[in-house]
Amino acid sequence: MLNLDCCDLESGTAIDHLIPISSNILNKELRDLKAKKGKKVKSQSFGSNHIDNLIIACNNCNNRKKHKMLDHRLMMSILKEKNST
């Protein structure tokens, strides 16, 4: 898990996936979703482009996070903040 304490708004901002899109494999395993022939597994809010999985991050943090998961405390803090707005 990654702990980001590198925020630098001067680096610009980006829309980031809270749970990396590359984790869609978890969708397939946890929800036992199957793709139809020639199609992808339907997106869900976990590891997808769903609005609940998107956050604004500085470019510095976004570039350091890449496809990794955030550490638990940071993830919970972000989710708490998202739910309060």
PDB file of N, CA and C in Angstrom:
ATOM      1  N   MET A   1       0.835  -1.177   0.000  1.00  0.00           N
ATOM      2  CA  MET A   1       0.000   0.000   0.000  1.00  0.00           C
ATOM      3  C   MET A   1       0.879   1.240   0.000  1.00  0.00           C
ATOM      4  N   LEU A   2       0.374   2.287  -0.594  1.00  0.00           N
ATOM      5  CA  LEU A   2       1.139   3.501  -0.778  1.00  0.00           C
ATOM      6  C   LEU A   2       0.608   4.586   0.143  1.00  0.00           C
ATOM      7  N   ASN A   3       1.513   5.314   0.774  1.00  0.00           N
ATOM      8  CA  ASN A   3       1.159   6.453   1.602  1.00  0.00           C
ATOM      9  C   ASN A   3       1.654   7.698   0.893  1.00  0.00           C
ATOM     10  N   LEU A   4       0.737   8.556   0.474  1.00  0.00           N
ATOM     11  CA  LEU A   4       1.123   9.743  -0.283  1.00  0.00           C
ATOM     12  C   LEU A   4       1.194  10.958   0.628  1.00  0.00           C
ATOM     13  N   ASP A   5       2.388  11.457   0.839  1.00  0.00           N
ATOM     14  CA  ASP A   5       2.555  12.708   1.578  1.00  0.00           C
ATOM     15  C   ASP A   5       3.368  13.650   0.714  1.00  0.00           C
ATOM     16  N   CYS A   6       3.037  13.657  -0.568  1.00  0.00           N
ATOM     17  CA  CYS A   6       3.831  14.359  -1.575  1.00  0.00           C
ATOM     18  C   CYS A   6       3.025  15.446  -2.289  1.00  0.00           C
ATOM     19  N   CYS A   7       1.893  15.852  -1.752  1.00  0.00           N
ATOM     20  CA  CYS A   7       1.030  16.794  -2.465  1.00  0.00           C
ATOM     21  C   CYS A   7       1.769  18.070  -2.848  1.00  0.00           C
ATOM     22  N   ASP A   8       1.584  18.454  -4.099  1.00  0.00           N
ATOM     23  CA  ASP A   8       2.192  19.647  -4.652  1.00  0.00           C
ATOM     24  C   ASP A   8       1.251  20.175  -5.725  1.00  0.00           C
ATOM     25  N   LEU A   9       0.344  21.071  -5.328  1.00  0.00           N
ATOM     26  CA  LEU A   9      -0.658  21.571  -6.267  1.00  0.00           C
ATOM     27  C   LEU A   9      -0.041  22.356  -7.413  1.00  0.00           C
ATOM     28  N   GLU A  10       1.187  22.828  -7.234  1.00  0.00           N
ATOM     29  CA  GLU A  10       1.859  23.535  -8.323  1.00  0.00           C
ATOM     30  C   GLU A  10       2.195  22.597  -9.479  1.00  0.00           C
ATOM     31  N   SER A  11       2.184  21.288  -9.222  1.00  0.00           N
ATOM     32  CA  SER A  11       2.449  20.311 -10.287  1.00  0.00           C
ATOM     33  C   SER A  11       1.237  20.139 -11.199  1.00  0.00           C
ATOM     34  N   GLY A  12       0.108  20.742 -10.834  1.00  0.00           N
ATOM     35  CA  GLY A  12      -1.134  20.598 -11.587  1.00  0.00           C
ATOM     36  C   GLY A  12      -2.027  19.564 -10.928  1.00  0.00           C
ATOM     37  N   THR A  13      -3.195  19.345 -11.496  1.00  0.00           N
ATOM     38  CA  THR A  13      -4.136  18.377 -10.935  1.00  0.00           C
ATOM     39  C   THR A  13      -4.568  17.388 -12.010  1.00  0.00           C
ATOM     40  N   ALA A  14      -5.053  16.250 -11.537  1.00  0.00           N
ATOM     41  CA  ALA A  14      -5.516  15.193 -12.435  1.00  0.00           C
ATOM     42  C   ALA A  14      -6.678  14.465 -11.780  1.00  0.00           C
ATOM     43  N   ILE A  15      -7.497  13.846 -12.592  1.00  0.00           N
ATOM     44  CA  ILE A  15      -8.533  12.962 -12.075  1.00  0.00           C
ATOM     45  C   ILE A  15      -7.884  11.593 -11.932  1.00  0.00           C
ATOM     46  N   ASP A  16      -7.976  11.041 -10.737  1.00  0.00           N
ATOM     47  CA  ASP A  16      -7.319   9.774 -10.429  1.00  0.00           C
ATOM     48  C   ASP A  16      -8.360   8.757  -9.999  1.00  0.00           C
ATOM     49  N   HIS A  17      -8.048   7.498 -10.186  1.00  0.00           N
ATOM     50  CA  HIS A  17      -8.905   6.414  -9.705  1.00  0.00           C
ATOM     51  C   HIS A  17      -8.478   6.080  -8.284  1.00  0.00           C
ATOM     52  N   LEU A  18      -9.398   6.201  -7.347  1.00  0.00           N
ATOM     53  CA  LEU A  18      -9.101   5.867  -5.954  1.00  0.00           C
ATOM     54  C   LEU A  18      -8.663   4.409  -5.873  1.00  0.00           C
ATOM     55  N   ILE A  19      -9.457   3.534  -6.438  1.00  0.00           N
ATOM     56  CA  ILE A  19      -9.074   2.129  -6.575  1.00  0.00           C
ATOM     57  C   ILE A  19      -8.661   1.967  -8.033  1.00  0.00           C
ATOM     58  N   PRO A  20      -7.416   1.600  -8.286  1.00  0.00           N
ATOM     59  CA  PRO A  20      -6.902   1.575  -9.658  1.00  0.00           C
ATOM     60  C   PRO A  20      -7.767   0.759 -10.611  1.00  0.00           C
ATOM     61  N   ILE A  21      -7.909   1.287 -11.807  1.00  0.00           N
ATOM     62  CA  ILE A  21      -8.704   0.605 -12.828  1.00  0.00           C
ATOM     63  C   ILE A  21      -8.126  -0.773 -13.136  1.00  0.00           C
ATOM     64  N   SER A  22      -6.830  -0.930 -12.925  1.00  0.00           N
ATOM     65  CA  SER A  22      -6.197  -2.226 -13.191  1.00  0.00           C
ATOM     66  C   SER A  22      -6.672  -3.302 -12.220  1.00  0.00           C
ATOM     67  N   SER A  23      -7.357  -2.899 -11.151  1.00  0.00           N
ATOM     68  CA  SER A  23      -7.865  -3.880 -10.189  1.00  0.00           C
ATOM     69  C   SER A  23      -9.213  -4.450 -10.611  1.00  0.00           C
ATOM     70  N   ASN A  24      -9.666  -4.189 -11.851  1.00  0.00           N
ATOM     71  CA  ASN A  24     -10.942  -4.731 -12.313  1.00  0.00           C
ATOM     72  C   ASN A  24     -10.973  -6.250 -12.196  1.00  0.00           C
ATOM     73  N   ILE A  25      -9.813  -6.860 -12.128  1.00  0.00           N
ATOM     74  CA  ILE A  25      -9.745  -8.305 -11.909  1.00  0.00           C
ATOM     75  C   ILE A  25     -10.471  -8.666 -10.605  1.00  0.00           C
ATOM     76  N   LEU A  26     -10.411  -7.754  -9.628  1.00  0.00           N
ATOM     77  CA  LEU A  26     -11.117  -7.990  -8.361  1.00  0.00           C
ATOM     78  C   LEU A  26     -12.623  -8.027  -8.583  1.00  0.00           C
ATOM     79  N   ASN A  27     -13.112  -7.157  -9.480  1.00  0.00           N
ATOM     80  CA  ASN A  27     -14.535  -7.185  -9.836  1.00  0.00           C
ATOM     81  C   ASN A  27     -14.929  -8.558 -10.341  1.00  0.00           C
ATOM     82  N   LYS A  28     -14.114  -9.097 -11.223  1.00  0.00           N
ATOM     83  CA  LYS A  28     -14.417 -10.387 -11.824  1.00  0.00           C
ATOM     84  C   LYS A  28     -14.423 -11.487 -10.767  1.00  0.00           C
ATOM     85  N   GLU A  29     -13.465 -11.420  -9.856  1.00  0.00           N
ATOM     86  CA  GLU A  29     -13.357 -12.468  -8.841  1.00  0.00           C
ATOM     87  C   GLU A  29     -14.371 -12.292  -7.715  1.00  0.00           C
ATOM     88  N   LEU A  30     -14.496 -11.053  -7.183  1.00  0.00           N
ATOM     89  CA  LEU A  30     -15.385 -10.824  -6.046  1.00  0.00           C
ATOM     90  C   LEU A  30     -16.857 -10.935  -6.420  1.00  0.00           C
ATOM     91  N   ARG A  31     -17.200 -10.434  -7.596  1.00  0.00           N
ATOM     92  CA  ARG A  31     -18.604 -10.440  -8.017  1.00  0.00           C
ATOM     93  C   ARG A  31     -18.895 -11.578  -8.981  1.00  0.00           C
ATOM     94  N   ASP A  32     -17.876 -12.360  -9.289  1.00  0.00           N
ATOM     95  CA  ASP A  32     -18.007 -13.486 -10.212  1.00  0.00           C
ATOM     96  C   ASP A  32     -18.683 -13.052 -11.509  1.00  0.00           C
ATOM     97  N   LEU A  33     -18.267 -11.886 -12.011  1.00  0.00           N
ATOM     98  CA  LEU A  33     -18.836 -11.378 -13.251  1.00  0.00           C
ATOM     99  C   LEU A  33     -18.168 -12.045 -14.443  1.00  0.00           C
ATOM    100  N   LYS A  34     -18.936 -12.357 -15.425  1.00  0.00           N
ATOM    101  CA  LYS A  34     -18.428 -12.986 -16.646  1.00  0.00           C
ATOM    102  C   LYS A  34     -18.694 -12.053 -17.830  1.00  0.00           C
ATOM    103  N   ALA A  35     -17.719 -11.961 -18.704  1.00  0.00           N
ATOM    104  CA  ALA A  35     -17.885 -11.147 -19.908  1.00  0.00           C
ATOM    105  C   ALA A  35     -18.618 -11.959 -20.970  1.00  0.00           C
ATOM    106  N   LYS A  36     -19.477 -11.271 -21.721  1.00  0.00           N
ATOM    107  CA  LYS A  36     -20.103 -11.917 -22.874  1.00  0.00           C
ATOM    108  C   LYS A  36     -19.057 -12.004 -23.971  1.00  0.00           C
ATOM    109  N   LYS A  37     -19.219 -12.920 -24.868  1.00  0.00           N
ATOM    110  CA  LYS A  37     -18.241 -13.133 -25.929  1.00  0.00           C
ATOM    111  C   LYS A  37     -17.971 -11.826 -26.685  1.00  0.00           C
ATOM    112  N   GLY A  38     -16.697 -11.455 -26.742  1.00  0.00           N
ATOM    113  CA  GLY A  38     -16.298 -10.242 -27.449  1.00  0.00           C
ATOM    114  C   GLY A  38     -16.520  -8.957 -26.678  1.00  0.00           C
ATOM    115  N   LYS A  39     -16.952  -9.043 -25.433  1.00  0.00           N
ATOM    116  CA  LYS A  39     -17.223  -7.860 -24.606  1.00  0.00           C
ATOM    117  C   LYS A  39     -16.371  -7.898 -23.355  1.00  0.00           C
ATOM    118  N   LYS A  40     -16.258  -6.737 -22.704  1.00  0.00           N
ATOM    119  CA  LYS A  40     -15.553  -6.658 -21.428  1.00  0.00           C
ATOM    120  C   LYS A  40     -16.545  -6.855 -20.291  1.00  0.00           C
ATOM    121  N   VAL A  41     -16.026  -7.184 -19.118  1.00  0.00           N
ATOM    122  CA  VAL A  41     -16.876  -7.268 -17.933  1.00  0.00           C
ATOM    123  C   VAL A  41     -17.435  -5.881 -17.650  1.00  0.00           C
ATOM    124  N   LYS A  42     -18.720  -5.800 -17.351  1.00  0.00           N
ATOM    125  CA  LYS A  42     -19.374  -4.530 -17.079  1.00  0.00           C
ATOM    126  C   LYS A  42     -18.693  -3.816 -15.918  1.00  0.00           C
ATOM    127  N   SER A  43     -18.458  -2.495 -16.068  1.00  0.00           N
ATOM    128  CA  SER A  43     -17.822  -1.701 -15.012  1.00  0.00           C
ATOM    129  C   SER A  43     -18.696  -1.630 -13.772  1.00  0.00           C
ATOM    130  N   GLN A  44     -18.042  -1.616 -12.646  1.00  0.00           N
ATOM    131  CA  GLN A  44     -18.699  -1.442 -11.358  1.00  0.00           C
ATOM    132  C   GLN A  44     -17.993  -0.300 -10.635  1.00  0.00           C
ATOM    133  N   SER A  45     -18.490   0.110  -9.471  1.00  0.00           N
ATOM    134  CA  SER A  45     -17.881   1.225  -8.750  1.00  0.00           C
ATOM    135  C   SER A  45     -16.541   0.853  -8.138  1.00  0.00           C
ATOM    136  N   PHE A  46     -16.215  -0.423  -8.062  1.00  0.00           N
ATOM    137  CA  PHE A  46     -14.960  -0.870  -7.474  1.00  0.00           C
ATOM    138  C   PHE A  46     -13.947  -1.068  -8.589  1.00  0.00           C
ATOM    139  N   GLY A  47     -12.943  -0.200  -8.650  1.00  0.00           N
ATOM    140  CA  GLY A  47     -11.928  -0.318  -9.680  1.00  0.00           C
ATOM    141  C   GLY A  47     -12.445   0.013 -11.063  1.00  0.00           C
ATOM    142  N   SER A  48     -13.219   1.095 -11.180  1.00  0.00           N
ATOM    143  CA  SER A  48     -13.799   1.443 -12.467  1.00  0.00           C
ATOM    144  C   SER A  48     -13.792   2.949 -12.667  1.00  0.00           C
ATOM    145  N   ASN A  49     -14.419   3.390 -13.745  1.00  0.00           N
ATOM    146  CA  ASN A  49     -14.554   4.817 -14.018  1.00  0.00           C
ATOM    147  C   ASN A  49     -15.817   5.402 -13.389  1.00  0.00           C
ATOM    148  N   HIS A  50     -16.465   4.672 -12.506  1.00  0.00           N
ATOM    149  CA  HIS A  50     -17.654   5.165 -11.809  1.00  0.00           C
ATOM    150  C   HIS A  50     -17.271   6.413 -11.009  1.00  0.00           C
ATOM    151  N   ILE A  51     -18.147   7.383 -10.949  1.00  0.00           N
ATOM    152  CA  ILE A  51     -17.884   8.661 -10.272  1.00  0.00           C
ATOM    153  C   ILE A  51     -17.436   8.470  -8.820  1.00  0.00           C
ATOM    154  N   ASP A  52     -17.940   7.439  -8.156  1.00  0.00           N
ATOM    155  CA  ASP A  52     -17.555   7.195  -6.764  1.00  0.00           C
ATOM    156  C   ASP A  52     -16.102   6.752  -6.629  1.00  0.00           C
ATOM    157  N   ASN A  53     -15.490   6.352  -7.722  1.00  0.00           N
ATOM    158  CA  ASN A  53     -14.106   5.884  -7.683  1.00  0.00           C
ATOM    159  C   ASN A  53     -13.125   6.941  -8.194  1.00  0.00           C
ATOM    160  N   LEU A  54     -13.603   8.141  -8.516  1.00  0.00           N
ATOM    161  CA  LEU A  54     -12.738   9.191  -9.044  1.00  0.00           C
ATOM    162  C   LEU A  54     -12.474  10.252  -7.990  1.00  0.00           C
ATOM    163  N   ILE A  55     -11.220  10.715  -7.950  1.00  0.00           N
ATOM    164  CA  ILE A  55     -10.828  11.793  -7.042  1.00  0.00           C
ATOM    165  C   ILE A  55      -9.949  12.773  -7.809  1.00  0.00           C
ATOM    166  N   ILE A  56      -9.817  13.973  -7.277  1.00  0.00           N
ATOM    167  CA  ILE A  56      -8.881  14.943  -7.833  1.00  0.00           C
ATOM    168  C   ILE A  56      -7.601  14.831  -7.022  1.00  0.00           C
ATOM    169  N   ALA A  57      -6.496  14.669  -7.717  1.00  0.00           N
ATOM    170  CA  ALA A  57      -5.197  14.533  -7.064  1.00  0.00           C
ATOM    171  C   ALA A  57      -4.205  15.459  -7.753  1.00  0.00           C
ATOM    172  N   CYS A  58      -3.185  15.876  -7.013  1.00  0.00           N
ATOM    173  CA  CYS A  58      -2.136  16.643  -7.677  1.00  0.00           C
ATOM    174  C   CYS A  58      -1.379  15.681  -8.601  1.00  0.00           C
ATOM    175  N   ASN A  59      -0.787  16.216  -9.647  1.00  0.00           N
ATOM    176  CA  ASN A  59      -0.058  15.371 -10.599  1.00  0.00           C
ATOM    177  C   ASN A  59       1.066  14.598  -9.919  1.00  0.00           C
ATOM    178  N   ASN A  60       1.697  15.213  -8.932  1.00  0.00           N
ATOM    179  CA  ASN A  60       2.783  14.548  -8.219  1.00  0.00           C
ATOM    180  C   ASN A  60       2.283  13.266  -7.543  1.00  0.00           C
ATOM    181  N   CYS A  61       1.185  13.367  -6.797  1.00  0.00           N
ATOM    182  CA  CYS A  61       0.617  12.189  -6.117  1.00  0.00           C
ATOM    183  C   CYS A  61       0.108  11.163  -7.132  1.00  0.00           C
ATOM    184  N   ASN A  62      -0.567  11.640  -8.163  1.00  0.00           N
ATOM    185  CA  ASN A  62      -1.106  10.736  -9.183  1.00  0.00           C
ATOM    186  C   ASN A  62       0.018   9.936  -9.844  1.00  0.00           C
ATOM    187  N   ASN A  63       1.117  10.594 -10.153  1.00  0.00           N
ATOM    188  CA  ASN A  63       2.237   9.914 -10.799  1.00  0.00           C
ATOM    189  C   ASN A  63       2.945   8.933  -9.863  1.00  0.00           C
ATOM    190  N   ARG A  64       2.988   9.249  -8.570  1.00  0.00           N
ATOM    191  CA  ARG A  64       3.635   8.339  -7.620  1.00  0.00           C
ATOM    192  C   ARG A  64       2.751   7.142  -7.302  1.00  0.00           C
ATOM    193  N   LYS A  65       1.429   7.346  -7.298  1.00  0.00           N
ATOM    194  CA  LYS A  65       0.493   6.275  -6.954  1.00  0.00           C
ATOM    195  C   LYS A  65       0.450   5.216  -8.061  1.00  0.00           C
ATOM    196  N   LYS A  66       0.399   5.647  -9.301  1.00  0.00           N
ATOM    197  CA  LYS A  66       0.290   4.754 -10.460  1.00  0.00           C
ATOM    198  C   LYS A  66      -0.831   3.741 -10.249  1.00  0.00           C
ATOM    199  N   HIS A  67      -0.532   2.457 -10.227  1.00  0.00           N
ATOM    200  CA  HIS A  67      -1.551   1.406 -10.119  1.00  0.00           C
ATOM    201  C   HIS A  67      -1.622   0.816  -8.714  1.00  0.00           C
ATOM    202  N   LYS A  68      -0.996   1.484  -7.746  1.00  0.00           N
ATOM    203  CA  LYS A  68      -0.959   0.951  -6.380  1.00  0.00           C
ATOM    204  C   LYS A  68      -2.189   1.380  -5.579  1.00  0.00           C
ATOM    205  N   MET A  69      -2.444   0.650  -4.516  1.00  0.00           N
ATOM    206  CA  MET A  69      -3.511   1.013  -3.586  1.00  0.00           C
ATOM    207  C   MET A  69      -2.932   1.962  -2.535  1.00  0.00           C
ATOM    208  N   LEU A  70      -3.754   2.880  -2.056  1.00  0.00           N
ATOM    209  CA  LEU A  70      -3.344   3.773  -0.974  1.00  0.00           C
ATOM    210  C   LEU A  70      -3.302   3.019   0.339  1.00  0.00           C
ATOM    211  N   ASP A  71      -2.578   3.585   1.319  1.00  0.00           N
ATOM    212  CA  ASP A  71      -2.601   2.915   2.617  1.00  0.00           C
ATOM    213  C   ASP A  71      -3.995   3.077   3.235  1.00  0.00           C
ATOM    214  N   HIS A  72      -4.324   2.207   4.144  1.00  0.00           N
ATOM    215  CA  HIS A  72      -5.689   2.112   4.683  1.00  0.00           C
ATOM    216  C   HIS A  72      -6.165   3.432   5.303  1.00  0.00           C
ATOM    217  N   ARG A  73      -5.334   4.077   6.103  1.00  0.00           N
ATOM    218  CA  ARG A  73      -5.763   5.321   6.768  1.00  0.00           C
ATOM    219  C   ARG A  73      -6.061   6.416   5.758  1.00  0.00           C
ATOM    220  N   LEU A  74      -5.209   6.553   4.747  1.00  0.00           N
ATOM    221  CA  LEU A  74      -5.434   7.568   3.725  1.00  0.00           C
ATOM    222  C   LEU A  74      -6.697   7.256   2.925  1.00  0.00           C
ATOM    223  N   MET A  75      -6.893   6.001   2.575  1.00  0.00           N
ATOM    224  CA  MET A  75      -8.092   5.587   1.839  1.00  0.00           C
ATOM    225  C   MET A  75      -9.351   5.910   2.651  1.00  0.00           C
ATOM    226  N   MET A  76      -9.346   5.586   3.931  1.00  0.00           N
ATOM    227  CA  MET A  76     -10.512   5.855   4.781  1.00  0.00           C
ATOM    228  C   MET A  76     -10.757   7.350   4.926  1.00  0.00           C
ATOM    229  N   SER A  77      -9.693   8.134   5.031  1.00  0.00           N
ATOM    230  CA  SER A  77      -9.817   9.582   5.136  1.00  0.00           C
ATOM    231  C   SER A  77     -10.448  10.170   3.878  1.00  0.00           C
ATOM    232  N   ILE A  78     -10.010   9.713   2.722  1.00  0.00           N
ATOM    233  CA  ILE A  78     -10.568  10.191   1.455  1.00  0.00           C
ATOM    234  C   ILE A  78     -12.029   9.789   1.331  1.00  0.00           C
ATOM    235  N   LEU A  79     -12.364   8.558   1.658  1.00  0.00           N
ATOM    236  CA  LEU A  79     -13.752   8.103   1.567  1.00  0.00           C
ATOM    237  C   LEU A  79     -14.652   8.868   2.529  1.00  0.00           C
ATOM    238  N   LYS A  80     -14.157   9.141   3.715  1.00  0.00           N
ATOM    239  CA  LYS A  80     -14.936   9.914   4.699  1.00  0.00           C
ATOM    240  C   LYS A  80     -15.209  11.318   4.148  1.00  0.00           C
ATOM    241  N   GLU A  81     -14.188  11.944   3.569  1.00  0.00           N
ATOM    242  CA  GLU A  81     -14.335  13.276   2.998  1.00  0.00           C
ATOM    243  C   GLU A  81     -15.305  13.257   1.824  1.00  0.00           C
ATOM    244  N   LYS A  82     -15.215  12.268   0.945  1.00  0.00           N
ATOM    245  CA  LYS A  82     -16.124  12.165  -0.200  1.00  0.00           C
ATOM    246  C   LYS A  82     -17.567  11.996   0.254  1.00  0.00           C
ATOM    247  N   ASN A  83     -17.779  11.212   1.320  1.00  0.00           N
ATOM    248  CA  ASN A  83     -19.132  10.961   1.802  1.00  0.00           C
ATOM    249  C   ASN A  83     -19.739  12.153   2.526  1.00  0.00           C
ATOM    250  N   SER A  84     -18.895  13.077   2.996  1.00  0.00           N
ATOM    251  CA  SER A  84     -19.430  14.216   3.737  1.00  0.00           C
ATOM    252  C   SER A  84     -19.829  15.362   2.822  1.00  0.00           C
ATOM    253  N   THR A  85     -19.475  15.284   1.536  1.00  0.00           N
ATOM    254  CA  THR A  85     -19.812  16.388   0.628  1.00  0.00           C
ATOM    255  C   THR A  85     -21.042  16.100  -0.169  1.00  0.00           C
TER     256      THR A  85
END
